[in-house]
C-alpha atoms as a PDB file:
ATOM      1  CA  MET A   1      19.912  32.023 -28.328  1.00  0.00           C
ATOM      2  CA  PHE A   2      19.345  28.335 -29.452  1.00  0.00           C
ATOM      3  CA  ILE A   3      22.671  27.456 -27.714  1.00  0.00           C
ATOM      4  CA  ALA A   4      21.765  29.240 -24.409  1.00  0.00           C
ATOM      5  CA  THR A   5      18.278  27.349 -24.344  1.00  0.00           C
ATOM      6  CA  ARG A   6      20.046  24.093 -25.005  1.00  0.00           C
ATOM      7  CA  ALA A   7      22.500  25.065 -22.107  1.00  0.00           C
ATOM      8  CA  ARG A   8      19.532  25.656 -19.782  1.00  0.00           C
ATOM      9  CA  ALA A   9      17.994  22.391 -20.576  1.00  0.00           C
ATOM     10  CA  ALA A  10      21.150  20.451 -20.153  1.00  0.00           C
ATOM     11  CA  LEU A  11      21.549  22.135 -16.959  1.00  0.00           C
ATOM     12  CA  ALA A  12      18.056  21.286 -15.807  1.00  0.00           C
ATOM     13  CA  ALA A  13      18.521  17.746 -16.871  1.00  0.00           C
ATOM     14  CA  ALA A  14      21.863  17.384 -15.193  1.00  0.00           C
ATOM     15  CA  ALA A  15      20.245  19.121 -11.818  1.00  0.00           C
ATOM     16  CA  ALA A  16      17.427  16.488 -11.941  1.00  0.00           C
ATOM     17  CA  LEU A  17      19.679  13.584 -12.312  1.00  0.00           C
ATOM     18  CA  ALA A  18      21.596  14.719  -9.535  1.00  0.00           C
ATOM     19  CA  PHE A  19      18.836  15.017  -7.126  1.00  0.00           C
ATOM     20  CA  PRO A  20      16.436  12.224  -8.062  1.00  0.00           C
ATOM     21  CA  LEU A  21      13.126  11.950  -6.118  1.00  0.00           C
ATOM     22  CA  SER A  22      12.554   8.457  -4.913  1.00  0.00           C
ATOM     23  CA  VAL A  23       9.230   6.932  -6.162  1.00  0.00           C
ATOM     24  CA  HIS A  24       9.435   4.556  -3.281  1.00  0.00           C
ATOM     25  CA  ALA A  25       9.765   7.400  -0.521  1.00  0.00           C
ATOM     26  CA  ALA A  26       7.995   6.504   2.609  1.00  0.00           C
ATOM     27  CA  PRO A  27       5.017   8.863   2.900  1.00  0.00           C
ATOM     28  CA  GLY A  28       5.485  11.822   5.514  1.00  0.00           C
ATOM     29  CA  ASP A  29       3.130  12.043   8.601  1.00  0.00           C
ATOM     30  CA  ARG A  30       1.046  14.765   6.815  1.00  0.00           C
ATOM     31  CA  ALA A  31       0.247  12.715   4.039  1.00  0.00           C
ATOM     32  CA  LEU A  32      -0.443   9.677   6.234  1.00  0.00           C
ATOM     33  CA  ARG A  33      -2.924  11.796   8.376  1.00  0.00           C
ATOM     34  CA  VAL A  34      -4.599  13.178   4.878  1.00  0.00           C
ATOM     35  CA  TRP A  35      -4.981   9.413   3.775  1.00  0.00           C
ATOM     36  CA  ALA A  36      -6.122   8.225   7.070  1.00  0.00           C
ATOM     37  CA  ALA A  37      -8.962  10.811   7.031  1.00  0.00           C
ATOM     38  CA  ALA A  38     -10.207   9.299   4.042  1.00  0.00           C
ATOM     39  CA  CYS A  39     -10.844   6.182   6.337  1.00  0.00           C
ATOM     40  CA  ALA A  40     -12.754   8.120   8.940  1.00  0.00           C
ATOM     41  CA  ALA A  41     -16.370   7.692   7.410  1.00  0.00           C
ATOM     42  CA  CYS A  42     -16.232   4.111   8.261  1.00  0.00           C
ATOM     43  CA  HIS A  43     -13.487   3.682  10.750  1.00  0.00           C
ATOM     44  CA  GLY A  44     -13.767   6.849  12.831  1.00  0.00           C
ATOM     45  CA  THR A  45     -11.258   9.554  13.319  1.00  0.00           C
ATOM     46  CA  ASP A  46      -7.826   8.302  14.023  1.00  0.00           C
ATOM     47  CA  GLY A  47      -9.281   4.763  13.617  1.00  0.00           C
ATOM     48  CA  HIS A  48     -11.625   5.039  16.320  1.00  0.00           C
ATOM     49  CA  ALA A  49     -14.823   3.450  14.930  1.00  0.00           C
ATOM     50  CA  GLN A  50     -18.370   3.774  16.124  1.00  0.00           C
ATOM     51  CA  ALA A  51     -20.125   0.712  17.003  1.00  0.00           C
ATOM     52  CA  GLY A  52     -20.867  -1.772  14.123  1.00  0.00           C
ATOM     53  CA  MET A  53     -17.443  -0.942  12.284  1.00  0.00           C
ATOM     54  CA  THR A  54     -13.849  -2.117  12.817  1.00  0.00           C
ATOM     55  CA  SER A  55     -11.761   0.226  14.608  1.00  0.00           C
ATOM     56  CA  LEU A  56      -8.150   0.466  13.288  1.00  0.00           C
ATOM     57  CA  ALA A  57      -6.327   2.300  16.102  1.00  0.00           C
ATOM     58  CA  GLY A  58      -3.783   0.490  18.047  1.00  0.00           C
ATOM     59  CA  ARG A  59      -3.984  -2.824  15.913  1.00  0.00           C
ATOM     60  CA  ASN A  60      -1.029  -4.800  14.699  1.00  0.00           C
ATOM     61  CA  ALA A  61       0.615  -2.824  11.720  1.00  0.00           C
ATOM     62  CA  ASP A  62       1.620  -6.219  10.190  1.00  0.00           C
ATOM     63  CA  GLU A  63      -1.761  -7.529  10.388  1.00  0.00           C
ATOM     64  CA  LEU A  64      -3.396  -4.570   9.140  1.00  0.00           C
ATOM     65  CA  TYR A  65      -0.993  -4.386   6.392  1.00  0.00           C
ATOM     66  CA  THR A  66      -1.713  -7.901   5.304  1.00  0.00           C
ATOM     67  CA  LEU A  67      -5.463  -7.168   5.339  1.00  0.00           C
ATOM     68  CA  LEU A  68      -4.914  -4.201   3.074  1.00  0.00           C
ATOM     69  CA  ILE A  69      -2.796  -6.120   0.633  1.00  0.00           C
ATOM     70  CA  GLU A  70      -5.507  -8.934   0.525  1.00  0.00           C
ATOM     71  CA  PHE A  71      -8.114  -6.200  -0.060  1.00  0.00           C
ATOM     72  CA  LYS A  72      -6.055  -4.661  -2.975  1.00  0.00           C
ATOM     73  CA  ARG A  73      -5.342  -8.041  -4.644  1.00  0.00           C
ATOM     74  CA  ASP A  74      -9.050  -9.320  -4.354  1.00  0.00           C
ATOM     75  CA  VAL A  75      -7.888 -12.122  -1.994  1.00  0.00           C
ATOM     76  CA  ARG A  76     -10.234 -11.045   0.880  1.00  0.00           C
ATOM     77  CA  PRO A  77     -13.925 -10.347  -0.061  1.00  0.00           C
ATOM     78  CA  ALA A  78     -15.284  -6.933   0.754  1.00  0.00           C
ATOM     79  CA  THR A  79     -17.779  -4.357  -0.090  1.00  0.00           C
ATOM     80  CA  VAL A  80     -15.634  -1.348  -0.910  1.00  0.00           C
ATOM     81  CA  MET A  81     -12.360  -2.034   0.798  1.00  0.00           C
ATOM     82  CA  HIS A  82     -10.961  -3.736  -2.427  1.00  0.00           C
ATOM     83  CA  GLN A  83     -11.618  -0.460  -4.288  1.00  0.00           C
ATOM     84  CA  HIS A  84     -10.120   1.920  -1.658  1.00  0.00           C
ATOM     85  CA  ALA A  85      -6.852  -0.183  -1.496  1.00  0.00           C
ATOM     86  CA  LYS A  86      -6.232  -0.211  -4.962  1.00  0.00           C
ATOM     87  CA  GLY A  87      -5.811   3.608  -4.885  1.00  0.00           C
ATOM     88  CA  TYR A  88      -2.825   3.200  -2.895  1.00  0.00           C
ATOM     89  CA  THR A  89       0.796   1.721  -3.553  1.00  0.00           C
ATOM     90  CA  ASP A  90       2.115  -1.047  -1.421  1.00  0.00           C
ATOM     91  CA  GLU A  91       4.336   1.385   0.395  1.00  0.00           C
ATOM     92  CA  GLU A  92       1.482   3.685   1.045  1.00  0.00           C
ATOM     93  CA  LEU A  93      -0.600   1.012   2.659  1.00  0.00           C
ATOM     94  CA  GLN A  94       2.329   0.058   4.842  1.00  0.00           C
ATOM     95  CA  GLY A  95       2.544   3.535   5.946  1.00  0.00           C
ATOM     96  CA  LEU A  96      -1.095   3.543   6.754  1.00  0.00           C
ATOM     97  CA  ALA A  97      -1.021   0.352   8.736  1.00  0.00           C
ATOM     98  CA  GLN A  98       1.940   1.723  10.722  1.00  0.00           C
ATOM     99  CA  TRP A  99       0.064   4.860  11.314  1.00  0.00           C
ATOM    100  CA  PHE A 100      -3.107   3.310  12.453  1.00  0.00           C
ATOM    101  CA  ALA A 101      -1.218   0.868  14.775  1.00  0.00           C
ATOM    102  CA  ALA A 102       0.610   3.850  16.402  1.00  0.00           C
ATOM    103  CA  GLN A 103      -2.822   5.365  17.358  1.00  0.00           C
ATOM    104  CA  ALA A 104      -3.996   4.767  20.970  1.00  0.00           C
ATOM    105  CA  LYS A 105      -6.647   2.383  21.508  1.00  0.00           C
ATOM    106  CA  ARG A 106      -9.864   3.724  23.531  1.00  0.00           C
END
Protein backbone atom coordinates (compact mmCIF):
# COMPACT_ATOMS: atom_id res chain seq x y z
CA MET A 1 0.00 0.00 0.00
CA PHE A 2 2.84 2.41 0.85
CA ILE A 3 4.46 1.76 -2.54
CA ALA A 4 1.16 2.39 -4.34
CA THR A 5 0.71 5.68 -2.48
CA ARG A 6 4.24 6.80 -3.35
CA ALA A 7 3.71 5.76 -6.97
CA ARG A 8 0.52 7.85 -7.18
CA ALA A 9 2.30 10.81 -5.60
CA ALA A 10 5.19 10.49 -8.05
CA LEU A 11 2.76 10.23 -10.97
CA ALA A 12 0.87 13.32 -9.79
CA ALA A 13 4.13 15.26 -9.44
CA ALA A 14 5.25 14.19 -12.91
CA ALA A 15 1.92 15.25 -14.39
CA ALA A 16 2.14 18.64 -12.69
CA LEU A 17 5.62 19.19 -14.10
CA ALA A 18 4.56 18.06 -17.56
CA PHE A 19 1.73 20.62 -17.70
CA PRO A 20 2.86 23.67 -15.73
CA LEU A 21 0.54 26.61 -15.28
CA SER A 22 2.10 29.90 -16.20
CA VAL A 23 2.03 32.38 -13.36
CA HIS A 24 2.36 35.15 -15.92
CA ALA A 25 -0.39 33.97 -18.25
CA ALA A 26 -2.43 36.77 -19.74
CA PRO A 27 -5.81 37.09 -18.06
CA GLY A 28 -8.79 35.90 -20.08
CA ASP A 29 -11.67 38.11 -21.18
CA ARG A 30 -13.94 36.83 -18.41
CA ALA A 31 -11.39 37.73 -15.73
CA LEU A 32 -10.90 41.16 -17.29
CA ARG A 33 -14.64 41.84 -17.32
CA VAL A 34 -14.92 40.82 -13.66
CA TRP A 35 -11.97 43.04 -12.69
CA ALA A 36 -13.31 45.93 -14.79
CA ALA A 37 -16.65 45.63 -12.98
CA ALA A 38 -14.80 46.56 -9.78
CA CYS A 39 -13.94 49.88 -11.47
CA ALA A 40 -17.58 50.62 -12.35
CA ALA A 41 -18.47 52.39 -9.10
CA CYS A 42 -16.21 55.31 -10.03
CA HIS A 43 -15.44 54.89 -13.73
CA GLY A 44 -18.82 53.59 -14.91
CA THR A 45 -19.94 50.44 -16.64
CA ASP A 46 -17.41 49.43 -19.28
CA GLY A 47 -15.39 52.54 -18.46
CA HIS A 48 -18.12 55.06 -19.32
CA ALA A 49 -18.09 57.35 -16.27
CA GLN A 50 -20.77 59.75 -15.15
CA ALA A 51 -20.01 63.48 -15.13
CA GLY A 52 -17.26 64.39 -12.70
CA MET A 53 -15.31 61.14 -12.99
CA THR A 54 -12.72 59.99 -15.50
CA SER A 55 -13.94 57.74 -18.31
CA LEU A 56 -11.55 54.96 -19.23
CA ALA A 57 -13.29 53.62 -22.34
CA GLY A 58 -11.38 54.16 -25.55
CA ARG A 59 -8.32 55.72 -23.93
CA ASN A 60 -4.83 54.76 -25.04
CA ALA A 61 -3.84 51.43 -23.46
CA ASP A 62 -0.21 52.44 -22.91
CA GLU A 63 -1.24 55.65 -21.15
CA LEU A 64 -3.74 53.80 -18.95
CA TYR A 65 -1.14 51.18 -18.07
CA THR A 66 1.41 53.86 -17.18
CA LEU A 67 -1.13 55.58 -14.92
CA LEU A 68 -2.03 52.31 -13.20
CA ILE A 69 1.63 51.44 -12.61
CA GLU A 70 2.28 54.93 -11.24
CA PHE A 71 -0.65 54.51 -8.83
CA LYS A 72 0.60 51.06 -7.82
CA ARG A 73 4.10 52.35 -7.09
CA ASP A 74 2.84 55.47 -5.26
CA VAL A 75 4.43 57.73 -7.89
CA ARG A 76 1.14 59.44 -8.77
CA PRO A 77 -0.97 60.99 -5.99
CA ALA A 78 -4.38 59.42 -5.47
CA THR A 79 -7.14 59.03 -2.95
CA VAL A 80 -7.93 55.34 -3.51
CA MET A 81 -6.37 54.30 -6.82
CA HIS A 82 -3.03 53.42 -5.27
CA GLN A 83 -4.80 50.86 -3.07
CA HIS A 84 -6.81 49.41 -5.96
CA ALA A 85 -3.78 49.13 -8.26
CA LYS A 86 -1.71 47.32 -5.63
CA GLY A 87 -4.25 44.49 -5.73
CA TYR A 88 -3.23 43.49 -9.27
CA THR A 89 -0.07 42.17 -10.88
CA ASP A 90 1.57 44.29 -13.58
CA GLU A 91 0.29 41.80 -16.18
CA GLU A 92 -3.26 42.12 -14.86
CA LEU A 93 -3.02 45.91 -14.99
CA GLN A 94 -1.79 45.66 -18.59
CA GLY A 95 -4.79 43.48 -19.40
CA LEU A 96 -7.19 45.95 -17.78
CA ALA A 97 -5.62 48.86 -19.65
CA GLN A 98 -6.02 47.02 -22.95
CA TRP A 99 -9.59 46.00 -22.10
CA PHE A 100 -10.67 49.58 -21.31
CA ALA A 101 -8.87 50.87 -24.41
CA ALA A 102 -10.86 48.42 -26.54
CA GLN A 103 -14.21 49.75 -25.26
CA ALA A 104 -15.95 52.22 -27.57
CA LYS A 105 -16.06 55.85 -26.48
CA ARG A 106 -19.48 57.45 -26.12
